[in-house]
Amino acid sequence: MGTTYDQLVHILTGKLEVPAERVRPDALFGELELDSLAVVELEVVLEETFGVELWSDGFDQSMSLAEAANQLAASQLEV
């Protein structure tokens, strides 16, 4: 199935149609220019895919994609 980061990239570029040139490990979610509907869809898809909630206190625009992937991977190990 690929790494957690690869899955995150697939979700962003495939389901949410974020341009691939914007998606890189050091990119912040705020740089992806997701509208509020896309943020909600991202939260739902991440929870369905990984079985964990990434942002318990609300969407964090200052989180990088690498940080998100690491947090998702670590959360899956705890489950």
C-alpha atoms as a PDB file:
ATOM      1  CA  MET A   1       0.000   0.000   0.000  1.00  0.00           C
ATOM      2  CA  GLY A   2       3.015   2.337   0.324  1.00  0.00           C
ATOM      3  CA  THR A   3       4.261   4.524   3.086  1.00  0.00           C
ATOM      4  CA  THR A   4       2.025   6.753   5.132  1.00  0.00           C
ATOM      5  CA  TYR A   5       3.462   9.775   3.334  1.00  0.00           C
ATOM      6  CA  ASP A   6       2.739   8.175  -0.064  1.00  0.00           C
ATOM      7  CA  GLN A   7      -0.850   7.519   1.002  1.00  0.00           C
ATOM      8  CA  LEU A   8      -1.200  11.131   2.165  1.00  0.00           C
ATOM      9  CA  VAL A   9       0.133  12.384  -1.175  1.00  0.00           C
ATOM     10  CA  HIS A  10      -2.307  10.117  -3.024  1.00  0.00           C
ATOM     11  CA  ILE A  11      -5.221  11.500  -0.998  1.00  0.00           C
ATOM     12  CA  LEU A  12      -4.168  15.108  -1.581  1.00  0.00           C
ATOM     13  CA  THR A  13      -3.438  14.822  -5.288  1.00  0.00           C
ATOM     14  CA  GLY A  14      -6.086  12.249  -6.160  1.00  0.00           C
ATOM     15  CA  LYS A  15      -9.148  12.885  -4.050  1.00  0.00           C
ATOM     16  CA  LEU A  16      -8.607  16.573  -3.291  1.00  0.00           C
ATOM     17  CA  GLU A  17      -6.942  17.482  -6.596  1.00  0.00           C
ATOM     18  CA  VAL A  18      -4.099  19.451  -5.015  1.00  0.00           C
ATOM     19  CA  PRO A  19      -1.520  20.158  -7.746  1.00  0.00           C
ATOM     20  CA  ALA A  20       1.381  17.721  -7.397  1.00  0.00           C
ATOM     21  CA  GLU A  21       3.958  20.526  -7.496  1.00  0.00           C
ATOM     22  CA  ARG A  22       2.580  21.873  -4.199  1.00  0.00           C
ATOM     23  CA  VAL A  23       2.836  18.522  -2.438  1.00  0.00           C
ATOM     24  CA  ARG A  24       6.216  17.951  -0.821  1.00  0.00           C
ATOM     25  CA  PRO A  25       7.280  16.777   2.658  1.00  0.00           C
ATOM     26  CA  ASP A  26       8.107  20.278   3.928  1.00  0.00           C
ATOM     27  CA  ALA A  27       4.916  21.865   2.542  1.00  0.00           C
ATOM     28  CA  LEU A  28       2.549  23.193   5.184  1.00  0.00           C
ATOM     29  CA  PHE A  29      -1.140  22.414   4.934  1.00  0.00           C
ATOM     30  CA  GLY A  30      -1.776  26.169   4.798  1.00  0.00           C
ATOM     31  CA  GLU A  31       0.266  26.356   1.586  1.00  0.00           C
ATOM     32  CA  LEU A  32      -2.009  23.849  -0.137  1.00  0.00           C
ATOM     33  CA  GLU A  33      -4.847  26.393  -0.296  1.00  0.00           C
ATOM     34  CA  LEU A  34      -7.551  23.938   0.770  1.00  0.00           C
ATOM     35  CA  ASP A  35     -10.997  25.450   1.154  1.00  0.00           C
ATOM     36  CA  SER A  36     -13.115  24.592   4.193  1.00  0.00           C
ATOM     37  CA  LEU A  37     -14.966  21.792   2.385  1.00  0.00           C
ATOM     38  CA  ALA A  38     -11.671  20.213   1.291  1.00  0.00           C
ATOM     39  CA  VAL A  39     -10.394  20.395   4.890  1.00  0.00           C
ATOM     40  CA  VAL A  40     -13.459  18.531   6.136  1.00  0.00           C
ATOM     41  CA  GLU A  41     -13.120  15.955   3.357  1.00  0.00           C
ATOM     42  CA  LEU A  42      -9.418  15.539   4.193  1.00  0.00           C
ATOM     43  CA  GLU A  43     -10.198  14.957   7.864  1.00  0.00           C
ATOM     44  CA  VAL A  44     -12.832  12.337   7.012  1.00  0.00           C
ATOM     45  CA  VAL A  45     -10.657  10.527   4.463  1.00  0.00           C
ATOM     46  CA  LEU A  46      -7.672  10.469   6.827  1.00  0.00           C
ATOM     47  CA  GLU A  47      -9.794   9.055   9.627  1.00  0.00           C
ATOM     48  CA  GLU A  48     -11.294   6.411   7.312  1.00  0.00           C
ATOM     49  CA  THR A  49      -7.899   5.498   5.852  1.00  0.00           C
ATOM     50  CA  PHE A  50      -5.782   5.478   8.993  1.00  0.00           C
ATOM     51  CA  GLY A  51      -8.389   4.928  11.698  1.00  0.00           C
ATOM     52  CA  VAL A  52      -7.190   7.901  13.730  1.00  0.00           C
ATOM     53  CA  GLU A  53      -8.053  11.574  14.036  1.00  0.00           C
ATOM     54  CA  LEU A  54      -5.097  13.748  12.988  1.00  0.00           C
ATOM     55  CA  TRP A  55      -6.310  17.040  14.437  1.00  0.00           C
ATOM     56  CA  SER A  56      -8.110  16.661  17.740  1.00  0.00           C
ATOM     57  CA  ASP A  57      -8.082  20.436  18.294  1.00  0.00           C
ATOM     58  CA  GLY A  58      -8.977  21.485  14.753  1.00  0.00           C
ATOM     59  CA  PHE A  59      -7.156  21.767  11.450  1.00  0.00           C
ATOM     60  CA  ASP A  60      -3.521  22.870  11.856  1.00  0.00           C
ATOM     61  CA  GLN A  61      -2.374  24.872   8.830  1.00  0.00           C
ATOM     62  CA  SER A  62       1.160  25.097  10.236  1.00  0.00           C
ATOM     63  CA  MET A  63       1.699  21.309  10.191  1.00  0.00           C
ATOM     64  CA  SER A  64       3.929  20.005   7.414  1.00  0.00           C
ATOM     65  CA  LEU A  65       2.992  16.997   5.344  1.00  0.00           C
ATOM     66  CA  ALA A  66       5.975  15.088   6.771  1.00  0.00           C
ATOM     67  CA  GLU A  67       4.831  15.864  10.328  1.00  0.00           C
ATOM     68  CA  ALA A  68       1.312  14.718   9.488  1.00  0.00           C
ATOM     69  CA  ALA A  69       2.571  11.479   7.943  1.00  0.00           C
ATOM     70  CA  ASN A  70       4.791  10.800  10.967  1.00  0.00           C
ATOM     71  CA  GLN A  71       1.931  11.493  13.366  1.00  0.00           C
ATOM     72  CA  LEU A  72      -0.441   9.246  11.405  1.00  0.00           C
ATOM     73  CA  ALA A  73       2.130   6.442  11.274  1.00  0.00           C
ATOM     74  CA  ALA A  74       2.843   6.713  15.008  1.00  0.00           C
ATOM     75  CA  SER A  75      -0.882   6.751  15.821  1.00  0.00           C
ATOM     76  CA  GLN A  76      -1.406   3.565  13.826  1.00  0.00           C
ATOM     77  CA  LEU A  77       1.279   1.823  15.856  1.00  0.00           C
ATOM     78  CA  GLU A  78      -0.592   2.747  19.054  1.00  0.00           C
ATOM     79  CA  VAL A  79      -3.909   1.321  17.828  1.00  0.00           C
END
